[in-house]
Amino acid sequence: MSDFHDAARNGLSSSEFEAVLRQVGAERYHNRHPFHHRMTSGALSRTEMQAWALNRYCYQAVIPRKDAMILAHAQDPAFRAAW
């Protein structure tokens, strides 16, 4: 199916797992997406840029609530301190 799927199914050492994650990241990271290229080159329309900004704001606005939910349900003090 995919390297990541095979790794999850078959199990890997820590270093092998890290290598798979880095490979997937290098291949699929957002900076490779055509939309990102258009944005960084100034080729987006005003409407497209506004839509991206709204989407980004909505995503960023939820992060503190997500973190609060994780911490509220965490029972391990060491985990909470590390978070």
PDB file of N, CA and C in Angstrom:
ATOM      1  N   MET A   1       0.831  -1.190   0.000  1.00  0.00           N
ATOM      2  CA  MET A   1       0.000   0.000   0.000  1.00  0.00           C
ATOM      3  C   MET A   1       0.872   1.249   0.000  1.00  0.00           C
ATOM      4  N   SER A   2       1.678   1.435   1.053  1.00  0.00           N
ATOM      5  CA  SER A   2       2.624   2.553   1.115  1.00  0.00           C
ATOM      6  C   SER A   2       3.721   2.194   2.102  1.00  0.00           C
ATOM      7  N   ASP A   3       4.826   2.908   2.015  1.00  0.00           N
ATOM      8  CA  ASP A   3       5.911   2.657   2.965  1.00  0.00           C
ATOM      9  C   ASP A   3       5.427   2.862   4.392  1.00  0.00           C
ATOM     10  N   PHE A   4       4.644   3.921   4.603  1.00  0.00           N
ATOM     11  CA  PHE A   4       4.159   4.225   5.947  1.00  0.00           C
ATOM     12  C   PHE A   4       3.238   3.117   6.448  1.00  0.00           C
ATOM     13  N   HIS A   5       2.332   2.651   5.597  1.00  0.00           N
ATOM     14  CA  HIS A   5       1.413   1.581   5.977  1.00  0.00           C
ATOM     15  C   HIS A   5       2.182   0.305   6.295  1.00  0.00           C
ATOM     16  N   ASP A   6       3.143  -0.032   5.450  1.00  0.00           N
ATOM     17  CA  ASP A   6       3.949  -1.232   5.688  1.00  0.00           C
ATOM     18  C   ASP A   6       4.728  -1.122   6.990  1.00  0.00           C
ATOM     19  N   ALA A   7       5.258   0.070   7.265  1.00  0.00           N
ATOM     20  CA  ALA A   7       6.018   0.283   8.497  1.00  0.00           C
ATOM     21  C   ALA A   7       5.125   0.109   9.715  1.00  0.00           C
ATOM     22  N   ALA A   8       3.924   0.635   9.650  1.00  0.00           N
ATOM     23  CA  ALA A   8       3.001   0.525  10.776  1.00  0.00           C
ATOM     24  C   ALA A   8       2.584  -0.924  10.996  1.00  0.00           C
ATOM     25  N   ARG A   9       2.419  -1.655   9.914  1.00  0.00           N
ATOM     26  CA  ARG A   9       1.965  -3.042  10.021  1.00  0.00           C
ATOM     27  C   ARG A   9       3.083  -3.975  10.464  1.00  0.00           C
ATOM     28  N   ASN A  10       4.272  -3.794   9.935  1.00  0.00           N
ATOM     29  CA  ASN A  10       5.368  -4.730  10.173  1.00  0.00           C
ATOM     30  C   ASN A  10       6.248  -4.361  11.357  1.00  0.00           C
ATOM     31  N   GLY A  11       6.203  -3.140  11.788  1.00  0.00           N
ATOM     32  CA  GLY A  11       7.044  -2.694  12.884  1.00  0.00           C
ATOM     33  C   GLY A  11       8.443  -2.366  12.406  1.00  0.00           C
ATOM     34  N   LEU A  12       9.007  -1.326  12.948  1.00  0.00           N
ATOM     35  CA  LEU A  12      10.349  -0.883  12.585  1.00  0.00           C
ATOM     36  C   LEU A  12      11.091  -0.455  13.835  1.00  0.00           C
ATOM     37  N   SER A  13      12.388  -0.388  13.712  1.00  0.00           N
ATOM     38  CA  SER A  13      13.178   0.183  14.798  1.00  0.00           C
ATOM     39  C   SER A  13      12.910   1.685  14.822  1.00  0.00           C
ATOM     40  N   SER A  14      13.319   2.340  15.874  1.00  0.00           N
ATOM     41  CA  SER A  14      13.119   3.789  15.979  1.00  0.00           C
ATOM     42  C   SER A  14      13.771   4.528  14.823  1.00  0.00           C
ATOM     43  N   SER A  15      14.988   4.142  14.472  1.00  0.00           N
ATOM     44  CA  SER A  15      15.691   4.842  13.393  1.00  0.00           C
ATOM     45  C   SER A  15      15.047   4.568  12.036  1.00  0.00           C
ATOM     46  N   GLU A  16      14.571   3.343  11.820  1.00  0.00           N
ATOM     47  CA  GLU A  16      13.889   3.029  10.559  1.00  0.00           C
ATOM     48  C   GLU A  16      12.569   3.793  10.451  1.00  0.00           C
ATOM     49  N   PHE A  17      11.843   3.856  11.565  1.00  0.00           N
ATOM     50  CA  PHE A  17      10.577   4.587  11.586  1.00  0.00           C
ATOM     51  C   PHE A  17      10.809   6.071  11.313  1.00  0.00           C
ATOM     52  N   GLU A  18      11.833   6.633  11.939  1.00  0.00           N
ATOM     53  CA  GLU A  18      12.174   8.038  11.695  1.00  0.00           C
ATOM     54  C   GLU A  18      12.514   8.266  10.226  1.00  0.00           C
ATOM     55  N   ALA A  19      13.248   7.350   9.627  1.00  0.00           N
ATOM     56  CA  ALA A  19      13.618   7.485   8.210  1.00  0.00           C
ATOM     57  C   ALA A  19      12.377   7.490   7.318  1.00  0.00           C
ATOM     58  N   VAL A  20      11.405   6.634   7.629  1.00  0.00           N
ATOM     59  CA  VAL A  20      10.165   6.602   6.847  1.00  0.00           C
ATOM     60  C   VAL A  20       9.410   7.916   7.007  1.00  0.00           C
ATOM     61  N   LEU A  21       9.304   8.415   8.236  1.00  0.00           N
ATOM     62  CA  LEU A  21       8.609   9.690   8.463  1.00  0.00           C
ATOM     63  C   LEU A  21       9.292  10.832   7.723  1.00  0.00           C
ATOM     64  N   ARG A  22      10.606  10.854   7.755  1.00  0.00           N
ATOM     65  CA  ARG A  22      11.341  11.916   7.049  1.00  0.00           C
ATOM     66  C   ARG A  22      11.147  11.811   5.537  1.00  0.00           C
ATOM     67  N   GLN A  23      11.095  10.589   5.020  1.00  0.00           N
ATOM     68  CA  GLN A  23      10.870  10.399   3.582  1.00  0.00           C
ATOM     69  C   GLN A  23       9.478  10.899   3.193  1.00  0.00           C
ATOM     70  N   VAL A  24       8.474  10.504   3.958  1.00  0.00           N
ATOM     71  CA  VAL A  24       7.109  10.943   3.672  1.00  0.00           C
ATOM     72  C   VAL A  24       7.019  12.463   3.781  1.00  0.00           C
ATOM     73  N   GLY A  25       7.647  13.031   4.800  1.00  0.00           N
ATOM     74  CA  GLY A  25       7.644  14.484   4.954  1.00  0.00           C
ATOM     75  C   GLY A  25       8.297  15.189   3.785  1.00  0.00           C
ATOM     76  N   ALA A  26       9.411  14.662   3.323  1.00  0.00           N
ATOM     77  CA  ALA A  26      10.118  15.287   2.198  1.00  0.00           C
ATOM     78  C   ALA A  26       9.290  15.229   0.916  1.00  0.00           C
ATOM     79  N   GLU A  27       8.513  14.161   0.769  1.00  0.00           N
ATOM     80  CA  GLU A  27       7.709  13.994  -0.447  1.00  0.00           C
ATOM     81  C   GLU A  27       6.392  14.747  -0.399  1.00  0.00           C
ATOM     82  N   ARG A  28       5.819  14.915   0.798  1.00  0.00           N
ATOM     83  CA  ARG A  28       4.448  15.422   0.887  1.00  0.00           C
ATOM     84  C   ARG A  28       4.299  16.727   1.659  1.00  0.00           C
ATOM     85  N   TYR A  29       5.376  17.318   2.114  1.00  0.00           N
ATOM     86  CA  TYR A  29       5.267  18.527   2.922  1.00  0.00           C
ATOM     87  C   TYR A  29       4.597  19.635   2.123  1.00  0.00           C
ATOM     88  N   HIS A  30       3.936  20.545   2.812  1.00  0.00           N
ATOM     89  CA  HIS A  30       3.120  21.565   2.154  1.00  0.00           C
ATOM     90  C   HIS A  30       3.897  22.439   1.176  1.00  0.00           C
ATOM     91  N   ASN A  31       5.192  22.587   1.364  1.00  0.00           N
ATOM     92  CA  ASN A  31       5.958  23.456   0.465  1.00  0.00           C
ATOM     93  C   ASN A  31       6.070  22.880  -0.946  1.00  0.00           C
ATOM     94  N   ARG A  32       5.672  21.634  -1.133  1.00  0.00           N
ATOM     95  CA  ARG A  32       5.707  21.026  -2.465  1.00  0.00           C
ATOM     96  C   ARG A  32       4.363  21.175  -3.193  1.00  0.00           C
ATOM     97  N   HIS A  33       3.334  21.624  -2.496  1.00  0.00           N
ATOM     98  CA  HIS A  33       1.997  21.708  -3.083  1.00  0.00           C
ATOM     99  C   HIS A  33       1.909  22.874  -4.067  1.00  0.00           C
ATOM    100  N   PRO A  34       1.246  22.665  -5.216  1.00  0.00           N
ATOM    101  CA  PRO A  34       1.125  23.740  -6.209  1.00  0.00           C
ATOM    102  C   PRO A  34       0.496  25.019  -5.649  1.00  0.00           C
ATOM    103  N   PHE A  35      -0.465  24.887  -4.735  1.00  0.00           N
ATOM    104  CA  PHE A  35      -1.077  26.080  -4.137  1.00  0.00           C
ATOM    105  C   PHE A  35      -0.034  26.880  -3.373  1.00  0.00           C
ATOM    106  N   HIS A  36       0.806  26.197  -2.624  1.00  0.00           N
ATOM    107  CA  HIS A  36       1.857  26.874  -1.860  1.00  0.00           C
ATOM    108  C   HIS A  36       2.817  27.606  -2.802  1.00  0.00           C
ATOM    109  N   HIS A  37       3.166  26.983  -3.904  1.00  0.00           N
ATOM    110  CA  HIS A  37       4.051  27.630  -4.879  1.00  0.00           C
ATOM    111  C   HIS A  37       3.402  28.890  -5.442  1.00  0.00           C
ATOM    112  N   ARG A  38       2.103  28.799  -5.736  1.00  0.00           N
ATOM    113  CA  ARG A  38       1.397  29.973  -6.250  1.00  0.00           C
ATOM    114  C   ARG A  38       1.342  31.070  -5.198  1.00  0.00           C
ATOM    115  N   MET A  39       1.129  30.684  -3.939  1.00  0.00           N
ATOM    116  CA  MET A  39       1.050  31.683  -2.871  1.00  0.00           C
ATOM    117  C   MET A  39       2.390  32.382  -2.685  1.00  0.00           C
ATOM    118  N   THR A  40       3.464  31.627  -2.609  1.00  0.00           N
ATOM    119  CA  THR A  40       4.770  32.235  -2.341  1.00  0.00           C
ATOM    120  C   THR A  40       5.315  33.015  -3.527  1.00  0.00           C
ATOM    121  N   SER A  41       4.775  32.749  -4.715  1.00  0.00           N
ATOM    122  CA  SER A  41       5.224  33.512  -5.884  1.00  0.00           C
ATOM    123  C   SER A  41       4.322  34.709  -6.166  1.00  0.00           C
ATOM    124  N   GLY A  42       3.274  34.879  -5.336  1.00  0.00           N
ATOM    125  CA  GLY A  42       2.378  36.020  -5.522  1.00  0.00           C
ATOM    126  C   GLY A  42       1.349  35.821  -6.614  1.00  0.00           C
ATOM    127  N   ALA A  43       1.093  34.574  -7.000  1.00  0.00           N
ATOM    128  CA  ALA A  43       0.188  34.302  -8.114  1.00  0.00           C
ATOM    129  C   ALA A  43      -1.263  34.059  -7.696  1.00  0.00           C
ATOM    130  N   LEU A  44      -1.562  34.069  -6.395  1.00  0.00           N
ATOM    131  CA  LEU A  44      -2.943  33.859  -5.964  1.00  0.00           C
ATOM    132  C   LEU A  44      -3.768  35.115  -6.204  1.00  0.00           C
ATOM    133  N   SER A  45      -5.055  34.899  -6.457  1.00  0.00           N
ATOM    134  CA  SER A  45      -5.965  36.040  -6.537  1.00  0.00           C
ATOM    135  C   SER A  45      -6.225  36.536  -5.116  1.00  0.00           C
ATOM    136  N   ARG A  46      -6.781  37.718  -5.011  1.00  0.00           N
ATOM    137  CA  ARG A  46      -7.119  38.265  -3.693  1.00  0.00           C
ATOM    138  C   ARG A  46      -8.083  37.326  -2.959  1.00  0.00           C
ATOM    139  N   THR A  47      -9.069  36.802  -3.680  1.00  0.00           N
ATOM    140  CA  THR A  47     -10.049  35.896  -3.079  1.00  0.00           C
ATOM    141  C   THR A  47      -9.390  34.618  -2.575  1.00  0.00           C
ATOM    142  N   GLU A  48      -8.478  34.059  -3.352  1.00  0.00           N
ATOM    143  CA  GLU A  48      -7.774  32.848  -2.925  1.00  0.00           C
ATOM    144  C   GLU A  48      -6.938  33.116  -1.677  1.00  0.00           C
ATOM    145  N   MET A  49      -6.281  34.260  -1.630  1.00  0.00           N
ATOM    146  CA  MET A  49      -5.452  34.591  -0.468  1.00  0.00           C
ATOM    147  C   MET A  49      -6.318  34.815   0.767  1.00  0.00           C
ATOM    148  N   GLN A  50      -7.465  35.459   0.590  1.00  0.00           N
ATOM    149  CA  GLN A  50      -8.382  35.664   1.711  1.00  0.00           C
ATOM    150  C   GLN A  50      -8.910  34.326   2.227  1.00  0.00           C
ATOM    151  N   ALA A  51      -9.230  33.416   1.321  1.00  0.00           N
ATOM    152  CA  ALA A  51      -9.711  32.093   1.727  1.00  0.00           C
ATOM    153  C   ALA A  51      -8.629  31.341   2.492  1.00  0.00           C
ATOM    154  N   TRP A  52      -7.375  31.440   2.032  1.00  0.00           N
ATOM    155  CA  TRP A  52      -6.273  30.786   2.732  1.00  0.00           C
ATOM    156  C   TRP A  52      -6.115  31.377   4.134  1.00  0.00           C
ATOM    157  N   ALA A  53      -6.180  32.716   4.231  1.00  0.00           N
ATOM    158  CA  ALA A  53      -6.014  33.377   5.531  1.00  0.00           C
ATOM    159  C   ALA A  53      -7.126  32.975   6.495  1.00  0.00           C
ATOM    160  N   LEU A  54      -8.359  32.901   6.024  1.00  0.00           N
ATOM    161  CA  LEU A  54      -9.474  32.486   6.874  1.00  0.00           C
ATOM    162  C   LEU A  54      -9.284  31.050   7.344  1.00  0.00           C
ATOM    163  N   ASN A  55      -8.916  30.170   6.431  1.00  0.00           N
ATOM    164  CA  ASN A  55      -8.680  28.777   6.788  1.00  0.00           C
ATOM    165  C   ASN A  55      -7.570  28.667   7.828  1.00  0.00           C
ATOM    166  N   ARG A  56      -6.497  29.413   7.619  1.00  0.00           N
ATOM    167  CA  ARG A  56      -5.359  29.385   8.547  1.00  0.00           C
ATOM    168  C   ARG A  56      -5.775  29.897   9.921  1.00  0.00           C
ATOM    169  N   TYR A  57      -6.548  30.979   9.952  1.00  0.00           N
ATOM    170  CA  TYR A  57      -7.012  31.535  11.226  1.00  0.00           C
ATOM    171  C   TYR A  57      -7.864  30.511  11.972  1.00  0.00           C
ATOM    172  N   CYS A  58      -8.815  29.900  11.265  1.00  0.00           N
ATOM    173  CA  CYS A  58      -9.686  28.920  11.920  1.00  0.00           C
ATOM    174  C   CYS A  58      -8.879  27.751  12.476  1.00  0.00           C
ATOM    175  N   TYR A  59      -7.887  27.310  11.741  1.00  0.00           N
ATOM    176  CA  TYR A  59      -7.022  26.220  12.193  1.00  0.00           C
ATOM    177  C   TYR A  59      -6.238  26.640  13.434  1.00  0.00           C
ATOM    178  N   GLN A  60      -5.605  27.803  13.378  1.00  0.00           N
ATOM    179  CA  GLN A  60      -4.773  28.267  14.487  1.00  0.00           C
ATOM    180  C   GLN A  60      -5.601  28.563  15.738  1.00  0.00           C
ATOM    181  N   ALA A  61      -6.819  29.061  15.554  1.00  0.00           N
ATOM    182  CA  ALA A  61      -7.662  29.435  16.691  1.00  0.00           C
ATOM    183  C   ALA A  61      -8.054  28.227  17.537  1.00  0.00           C
ATOM    184  N   VAL A  62      -8.081  27.051  16.950  1.00  0.00           N
ATOM    185  CA  VAL A  62      -8.519  25.847  17.657  1.00  0.00           C
ATOM    186  C   VAL A  62      -7.383  25.190  18.447  1.00  0.00           C
ATOM    187  N   ILE A  63      -6.154  25.494  18.116  1.00  0.00           N
ATOM    188  CA  ILE A  63      -5.016  24.819  18.750  1.00  0.00           C
ATOM    189  C   ILE A  63      -5.021  24.946  20.278  1.00  0.00           C
ATOM    190  N   PRO A  64      -5.245  26.133  20.862  1.00  0.00           N
ATOM    191  CA  PRO A  64      -5.265  26.198  22.332  1.00  0.00           C
ATOM    192  C   PRO A  64      -6.367  25.340  22.956  1.00  0.00           C
ATOM    193  N   ARG A  65      -7.523  25.259  22.314  1.00  0.00           N
ATOM    194  CA  ARG A  65      -8.603  24.415  22.841  1.00  0.00           C
ATOM    195  C   ARG A  65      -8.240  22.938  22.752  1.00  0.00           C
ATOM    196  N   LYS A  66      -7.594  22.556  21.654  1.00  0.00           N
ATOM    197  CA  LYS A  66      -7.148  21.168  21.496  1.00  0.00           C
ATOM    198  C   LYS A  66      -6.134  20.818  22.577  1.00  0.00           C
ATOM    199  N   ASP A  67      -5.170  21.721  22.801  1.00  0.00           N
ATOM    200  CA  ASP A  67      -4.157  21.483  23.834  1.00  0.00           C
ATOM    201  C   ASP A  67      -4.793  21.398  25.219  1.00  0.00           C
ATOM    202  N   ALA A  68      -5.753  22.278  25.494  1.00  0.00           N
ATOM    203  CA  ALA A  68      -6.435  22.259  26.793  1.00  0.00           C
ATOM    204  C   ALA A  68      -7.175  20.944  26.998  1.00  0.00           C
ATOM    205  N   MET A  69      -7.794  20.440  25.949  1.00  0.00           N
ATOM    206  CA  MET A  69      -8.519  19.171  26.043  1.00  0.00           C
ATOM    207  C   MET A  69      -7.554  18.019  26.335  1.00  0.00           C
ATOM    208  N   ILE A  70      -6.428  18.008  25.665  1.00  0.00           N
ATOM    209  CA  ILE A  70      -5.432  16.957  25.899  1.00  0.00           C
ATOM    210  C   ILE A  70      -4.938  17.011  27.341  1.00  0.00           C
ATOM    211  N   LEU A  71      -4.601  18.203  27.803  1.00  0.00           N
ATOM    212  CA  LEU A  71      -4.089  18.342  29.169  1.00  0.00           C
ATOM    213  C   LEU A  71      -5.155  18.026  30.215  1.00  0.00           C
ATOM    214  N   ALA A  72      -6.395  18.399  29.949  1.00  0.00           N
ATOM    215  CA  ALA A  72      -7.473  18.132  30.901  1.00  0.00           C
ATOM    216  C   ALA A  72      -7.705  16.637  31.081  1.00  0.00           C
ATOM    217  N   HIS A  73      -7.451  15.864  30.055  1.00  0.00           N
ATOM    218  CA  HIS A  73      -7.671  14.422  30.136  1.00  0.00           C
ATOM    219  C   HIS A  73      -6.406  13.627  30.457  1.00  0.00           C
ATOM    220  N   ALA A  74      -5.284  14.295  30.543  1.00  0.00           N
ATOM    221  CA  ALA A  74      -4.024  13.606  30.845  1.00  0.00           C
ATOM    222  C   ALA A  74      -3.921  13.366  32.343  1.00  0.00           C
ATOM    223  N   GLN A  75      -3.662  12.141  32.713  1.00  0.00           N
ATOM    224  CA  GLN A  75      -3.556  11.803  34.129  1.00  0.00           C
ATOM    225  C   GLN A  75      -2.113  11.724  34.607  1.00  0.00           C
ATOM    226  N   ASP A  76      -1.180  11.655  33.690  1.00  0.00           N
ATOM    227  CA  ASP A  76       0.235  11.536  34.034  1.00  0.00           C
ATOM    228  C   ASP A  76       0.842  12.925  34.225  1.00  0.00           C
ATOM    229  N   PRO A  77       1.266  13.276  35.451  1.00  0.00           N
ATOM    230  CA  PRO A  77       1.843  14.599  35.698  1.00  0.00           C
ATOM    231  C   PRO A  77       3.089  14.883  34.855  1.00  0.00           C
ATOM    232  N   ALA A  78       3.893  13.866  34.588  1.00  0.00           N
ATOM    233  CA  ALA A  78       5.099  14.062  33.776  1.00  0.00           C
ATOM    234  C   ALA A  78       4.717  14.430  32.341  1.00  0.00           C
ATOM    235  N   PHE A  79       3.692  13.770  31.824  1.00  0.00           N
ATOM    236  CA  PHE A  79       3.219  14.097  30.476  1.00  0.00           C
ATOM    237  C   PHE A  79       2.699  15.528  30.430  1.00  0.00           C
ATOM    238  N   ARG A  80       1.907  15.893  31.432  1.00  0.00           N
ATOM    239  CA  ARG A  80       1.352  17.256  31.463  1.00  0.00           C
ATOM    240  C   ARG A  80       2.456  18.291  31.554  1.00  0.00           C
ATOM    241  N   ALA A  81       3.469  18.020  32.346  1.00  0.00           N
ATOM    242  CA  ALA A  81       4.581  18.966  32.490  1.00  0.00           C
ATOM    243  C   ALA A  81       5.369  19.082  31.189  1.00  0.00           C
ATOM    244  N   ALA A  82       5.530  17.971  30.497  1.00  0.00           N
ATOM    245  CA  ALA A  82       6.289  17.986  29.244  1.00  0.00           C
ATOM    246  C   ALA A  82       5.514  18.661  28.125  1.00  0.00           C
ATOM    247  N   TRP A  83       4.183  18.580  28.166  1.00  0.00           N
ATOM    248  CA  TRP A  83       3.359  19.153  27.108  1.00  0.00           C
ATOM    249  C   TRP A  83       3.521  20.647  27.113  1.00  0.00           C
TER     250      TRP A  83
END
